[in-house]
Protein backbone atom coordinates (compact mmCIF):
# COMPACT_ATOMS: atom_id res chain seq x y z
CA UNK A 1 11.23 5.65 25.64
CA UNK A 2 14.71 7.17 25.65
CA UNK A 3 16.48 4.39 23.75
CA UNK A 4 17.06 5.10 20.07
CA UNK A 5 15.51 2.84 17.41
CA UNK A 6 18.08 0.29 16.17
CA UNK A 7 18.62 2.00 12.80
CA UNK A 8 19.42 5.35 14.42
CA UNK A 9 22.26 4.21 16.67
CA UNK A 10 25.09 4.51 14.16
CA UNK A 11 24.86 8.11 12.91
CA UNK A 12 25.50 11.31 14.86
CA UNK A 13 22.55 12.69 16.79
CA UNK A 14 20.45 15.17 14.81
CA UNK A 15 21.89 13.95 11.49
CA UNK A 16 18.59 14.88 9.82
CA UNK A 17 17.74 17.95 11.90
CA UNK A 18 15.59 20.36 9.89
CA UNK A 19 14.92 17.83 7.13
CA UNK A 20 11.45 16.94 5.89
CA UNK A 21 11.15 13.30 4.83
CA UNK A 22 8.39 11.42 2.98
CA UNK A 23 8.40 7.62 3.29
CA UNK A 24 6.04 5.47 1.23
CA UNK A 25 5.00 2.24 2.86
CA UNK A 26 6.28 3.88 6.02
CA UNK A 27 3.91 2.26 8.46
CA UNK A 28 5.18 -1.33 8.38
CA UNK A 29 8.33 -3.39 7.90
CA UNK A 30 11.41 -1.73 6.48
CA UNK A 31 9.59 1.53 5.77
CA UNK A 32 8.60 1.82 9.42
CA UNK A 33 12.18 1.28 10.59
CA UNK A 34 13.49 3.90 8.16
CA UNK A 35 10.80 6.36 9.27
CA UNK A 36 11.62 5.73 12.94
CA UNK A 37 15.31 6.27 12.30
CA UNK A 38 14.79 9.50 10.38
CA UNK A 39 12.50 10.87 13.08
CA UNK A 40 14.82 9.86 15.92
CA UNK A 41 17.67 11.72 14.21
CA UNK A 42 15.72 14.96 13.86
CA UNK A 43 13.65 14.82 10.67
CA UNK A 44 10.00 15.78 10.35
CA UNK A 45 8.60 12.59 8.84
CA UNK A 46 5.46 12.04 6.79
CA UNK A 47 4.59 8.41 6.10
CA UNK A 48 2.17 7.16 3.47
CA UNK A 49 0.29 3.88 3.13
CA UNK A 50 -2.84 2.74 1.37
CA UNK A 51 -4.43 1.79 4.70
CA UNK A 52 -4.77 4.25 7.57
CA UNK A 53 -4.48 1.46 10.13
CA UNK A 54 -0.86 0.97 9.07
CA UNK A 55 -0.06 4.43 10.42
CA UNK A 56 -0.88 3.79 14.05
CA UNK A 57 2.41 2.22 15.19
CA UNK A 58 4.57 5.07 13.89
CA UNK A 59 2.24 7.88 14.92
CA UNK A 60 1.82 6.41 18.39
CA UNK A 61 5.56 6.19 18.90
CA UNK A 62 6.01 9.68 17.50
CA UNK A 63 3.58 11.08 20.05
CA UNK A 64 5.32 9.26 22.87
CA UNK A 65 8.77 10.43 21.81
CA UNK A 66 7.83 13.94 20.72
CA UNK A 67 8.77 13.44 17.07
CA UNK A 68 7.18 15.76 14.48
CA UNK A 69 5.28 13.25 12.36
CA UNK A 70 2.17 12.85 10.26
CA UNK A 71 0.64 10.40 7.80
CA UNK A 72 -1.28 10.32 4.54
CA UNK A 73 -3.46 7.66 2.97
CA UNK A 74 -2.04 7.28 -0.53
CA UNK A 75 -2.03 4.85 -3.43
CA UNK A 76 1.28 5.53 -5.17
CA UNK A 77 -0.13 4.23 -8.47
CA UNK A 78 -2.39 7.28 -8.76
CA UNK A 79 -0.39 10.12 -10.25
CA UNK A 80 -2.82 12.91 -9.39
CA UNK A 81 -3.00 11.78 -5.75
CA UNK A 82 0.80 11.61 -5.55
CA UNK A 83 1.09 15.13 -6.94
CA UNK A 84 -1.41 16.39 -4.36
CA UNK A 85 0.56 14.69 -1.59
CA UNK A 86 3.78 16.38 -2.72
CA UNK A 87 2.03 19.75 -2.80
CA UNK A 88 0.53 19.19 0.65
CA UNK A 89 3.84 18.20 2.23
CA UNK A 90 5.69 21.12 0.62
CA UNK A 91 3.00 23.61 1.64
CA UNK A 92 2.80 22.34 5.20
CA UNK A 93 6.54 22.11 5.82
CA UNK A 94 7.95 24.55 3.29
CA UNK A 95 10.29 21.99 1.72
CA UNK A 96 10.93 18.33 0.98
CA UNK A 97 14.45 17.04 1.56
CA UNK A 98 14.13 13.25 1.57
CA UNK A 99 11.99 10.76 -0.35
CA UNK A 100 12.07 7.05 0.41
CA UNK A 101 10.31 4.92 -2.22
CA UNK A 102 9.63 1.84 -0.15
CA UNK A 103 6.05 0.91 -1.10
CA UNK A 104 5.92 -2.46 -2.84
CA UNK A 105 3.96 -5.65 -3.18
CA UNK A 106 5.15 -9.20 -3.72
CA UNK A 107 3.99 -12.80 -3.47
CA UNK A 108 5.18 -16.12 -4.83
CA UNK A 109 3.42 -17.35 -7.98
CA UNK A 110 4.56 -19.33 -11.04
CA UNK A 111 4.66 -17.08 -14.09
CA UNK A 112 2.34 -19.32 -16.12
CA UNK A 113 -0.34 -18.96 -13.43
CA UNK A 114 0.06 -15.25 -12.85
CA UNK A 115 -2.98 -13.16 -13.72
CA UNK A 116 -2.79 -9.83 -15.51
CA UNK A 117 -4.15 -8.13 -12.41
CA UNK A 118 -1.42 -9.66 -10.25
CA UNK A 119 1.26 -8.47 -12.68
CA UNK A 120 -0.19 -4.97 -12.87
CA UNK A 121 -0.62 -4.67 -9.11
CA UNK A 122 3.02 -5.44 -8.28
CA UNK A 123 4.58 -3.55 -11.19
CA UNK A 124 2.19 -0.65 -10.63
CA UNK A 125 3.15 -0.18 -6.99
CA UNK A 126 6.88 -0.88 -7.21
CA UNK A 127 7.81 0.66 -10.57
CA UNK A 128 5.05 3.11 -11.51
CA UNK A 129 4.73 4.29 -7.92
CA UNK A 130 8.44 4.89 -7.60
CA UNK A 131 8.46 6.96 -10.78
CA UNK A 132 5.34 8.95 -9.86
CA UNK A 133 6.66 9.78 -6.40
CA UNK A 134 10.12 10.58 -7.71
CA UNK A 135 8.64 12.90 -10.31
CA UNK A 136 6.32 14.73 -7.91
CA UNK A 137 8.67 15.08 -4.97
CA UNK A 138 11.71 15.44 -7.24
CA UNK A 139 10.17 18.57 -8.73
CA UNK A 140 10.06 20.11 -5.26
CA UNK A 141 13.69 19.20 -4.67
CA UNK A 142 14.81 20.50 -8.05
CA UNK A 143 13.16 23.84 -7.32
CA UNK A 144 15.37 24.17 -4.24
CA UNK A 145 18.44 22.62 -5.82
CA UNK A 146 18.80 19.97 -3.12
CA UNK A 147 17.32 16.62 -2.16
CA UNK A 148 17.90 12.93 -1.59
CA UNK A 149 15.90 9.99 -2.92
CA UNK A 150 16.30 6.38 -1.85
CA UNK A 151 14.67 3.51 -3.76
CA UNK A 152 14.27 0.02 -2.34
CA UNK A 153 15.09 -2.74 -4.83
CA UNK A 154 16.27 -6.36 -4.46
CA UNK A 155 19.26 -8.35 -5.68
CA UNK A 156 17.02 -10.26 -8.07
CA UNK A 157 16.68 -7.00 -10.00
CA UNK A 158 19.84 -8.05 -11.87
CA UNK A 159 19.74 -11.84 -11.44
CA UNK A 160 16.05 -12.61 -11.80
CA UNK A 161 14.38 -15.13 -9.49
CA UNK A 162 11.85 -17.94 -9.96
CA UNK A 163 8.23 -17.32 -8.95
CA UNK A 164 8.56 -13.54 -8.47
CA UNK A 165 8.87 -12.45 -12.10
CA UNK A 166 6.49 -9.53 -11.50
CA UNK A 167 8.56 -8.15 -8.61
CA UNK A 168 11.92 -8.89 -10.26
CA UNK A 169 10.86 -7.05 -13.41
CA UNK A 170 9.59 -4.09 -11.41
CA UNK A 171 12.73 -3.88 -9.28
CA UNK A 172 14.93 -4.06 -12.39
CA UNK A 173 13.03 -1.06 -13.69
CA UNK A 174 13.46 0.77 -10.41
CA UNK A 175 17.22 0.14 -10.52
CA UNK A 176 17.40 1.57 -14.04
CA UNK A 177 15.27 4.52 -12.94
CA UNK A 178 17.59 5.12 -9.98
CA UNK A 179 20.64 5.39 -12.22
CA UNK A 180 18.82 7.44 -14.84
CA UNK A 181 17.54 10.02 -12.36
CA UNK A 182 20.88 10.13 -10.55
CA UNK A 183 22.61 11.02 -13.80
CA UNK A 184 19.93 13.47 -14.86
CA UNK A 185 19.56 15.31 -11.55
CA UNK A 186 23.05 15.22 -10.03
CA UNK A 187 24.09 18.60 -11.42
CA UNK A 188 20.88 20.07 -9.98
CA UNK A 189 21.62 18.98 -6.43
CA UNK A 190 19.49 15.85 -6.09
CA UNK A 191 21.09 12.53 -5.16
CA UNK A 192 19.33 9.26 -6.04
CA UNK A 193 20.46 5.90 -4.68
CA UNK A 194 19.04 2.44 -4.07
CA UNK A 195 19.34 -0.24 -1.44
CA UNK A 196 18.94 -3.96 -2.15
CA UNK A 197 18.01 -5.85 1.01
CA UNK A 198 18.44 -9.56 1.33
CA UNK A 199 16.13 -11.77 3.39
CA UNK A 200 15.28 -10.14 6.70
CA UNK A 201 12.73 -11.12 9.29
CA UNK A 202 9.38 -9.38 8.92
CA UNK A 203 5.71 -10.31 9.09
CA UNK A 204 5.16 -9.46 5.43
CA UNK A 205 8.06 -11.53 4.15
CA UNK A 206 7.15 -14.46 6.36
CA UNK A 207 3.57 -14.40 5.12
CA UNK A 208 4.24 -13.88 1.41
CA UNK A 209 7.69 -15.31 0.65
CA UNK A 210 8.58 -18.04 3.13
CA UNK A 211 5.42 -19.10 4.96
CA UNK A 212 6.26 -21.50 7.79
CA UNK A 213 9.18 -21.78 10.21
CA UNK A 214 10.89 -24.57 8.25
CA UNK A 215 11.14 -22.46 5.09
CA UNK A 216 12.55 -19.58 7.11
CA UNK A 217 15.13 -21.83 8.75
CA UNK A 218 16.23 -23.26 5.41
CA UNK A 219 16.59 -19.77 3.99
CA UNK A 220 18.61 -18.59 6.99
CA UNK A 221 20.95 -21.57 6.59
CA UNK A 222 21.83 -20.39 3.07
CA UNK A 223 22.96 -16.95 4.27
CA UNK A 224 26.79 -16.86 4.55
CA UNK A 225 26.57 -14.81 7.74
CA UNK A 226 24.39 -17.56 9.17
CA UNK A 227 21.09 -15.80 9.86
CA UNK A 228 18.36 -13.63 8.46
CA UNK A 229 18.85 -9.90 8.85
CA UNK A 230 16.62 -7.50 10.71
CA UNK A 231 14.68 -4.54 9.36
CA UNK A 232 16.71 -2.31 11.68
CA UNK A 233 20.00 -3.49 10.17
CA UNK A 234 18.80 -2.74 6.65
CA UNK A 235 17.29 0.58 7.69
CA UNK A 236 20.61 1.65 9.25
CA UNK A 237 22.24 1.43 5.82
CA UNK A 238 19.31 3.25 4.23
CA UNK A 239 19.86 6.10 6.70
CA UNK A 240 23.55 6.22 5.80
CA UNK A 241 22.68 6.61 2.11
CA UNK A 242 20.38 9.51 3.00
CA UNK A 243 22.76 11.18 5.44
CA UNK A 244 25.50 13.77 4.94
CA UNK A 245 28.02 10.92 5.33
CA UNK A 246 27.20 9.81 1.76
CA UNK A 247 27.18 13.28 0.22
CA UNK A 248 29.42 12.14 -2.69
CA UNK A 249 27.37 9.02 -3.47
CA UNK A 250 24.72 8.98 -6.18
CA UNK A 251 23.50 6.40 -8.66
CA UNK A 252 24.67 3.56 -6.41
CA UNK A 253 22.90 0.45 -5.17
CA UNK A 254 24.02 -0.85 -1.78
CA UNK A 255 23.53 -4.59 -1.25
CA UNK A 256 22.65 -5.48 2.34
CA UNK A 257 22.04 -9.23 2.35
CA UNK A 258 24.46 -11.06 4.64
CA UNK A 259 26.32 -12.29 1.57
CA UNK A 260 23.45 -14.39 0.24
CA UNK A 261 23.85 -13.05 -3.30
CA UNK A 262 27.53 -13.98 -3.45
CA UNK A 263 28.39 -16.89 -5.78
CA UNK A 264 29.06 -20.21 -4.06
CA UNK A 265 28.98 -22.60 -7.00
CA UNK A 266 30.28 -26.12 -6.36
CA UNK A 267 31.30 -25.28 -2.80
CA UNK A 268 27.79 -24.41 -1.63
CA UNK A 269 27.09 -25.87 1.79
CA UNK A 270 30.75 -26.79 2.41
CA UNK A 271 32.48 -25.56 5.55
CA UNK A 272 36.26 -25.29 5.84
């Protein structure tokens, strides 16, 4: 298993050597690809998910490749549990350098049929969880005067989107939180940025957002670059935002969507 994960092929080797990284939702999808990239480039990576079975893919690869890696079962909506996780990681490794707030939940539902529990579940994970993790792990970074936080949002954070009002509202809050913390913590050595992925192929997205091959094909046809992205392509940009290459970037949100959020207006579907 000598070949690097796709996300890790674009930065210098050992870009994260000596770093300790904590990735929520790090066992599946985009979180897994970010965790793989961080580990391949030298970081000690701790992933967290609500279900222990989600940890097996990353931990198995880490054993095979010799990456220093571990995992925690964690519900990011529980503030006390998040604080304990931050303490455990800091005590075990002596520091925390990188936090990736990737944990989220989403599914398509008309707003008038959305239950209170559905609203609370999505907003609780995406917005409350991002704040609670940022607060707990941010405290560790502020004590050292250095750290990097990356939040995962979506382009509908500023446009809105039908049938995902819970997720759009949560992601809008995360974007505001990103900019607020970036401004508040910049002088104390902590950078905070966000990434806004467009539609990329993953089991979770296929199951919850475009079930069926036909829906996926129609969505891909609307992407100006002509295809859905991959988790590795998005993760590569996440790694850049966390790397020394972006040392003068904070409070930014990088859109990685193949151009799908660009305005097309009356010319939509037309080819020159």
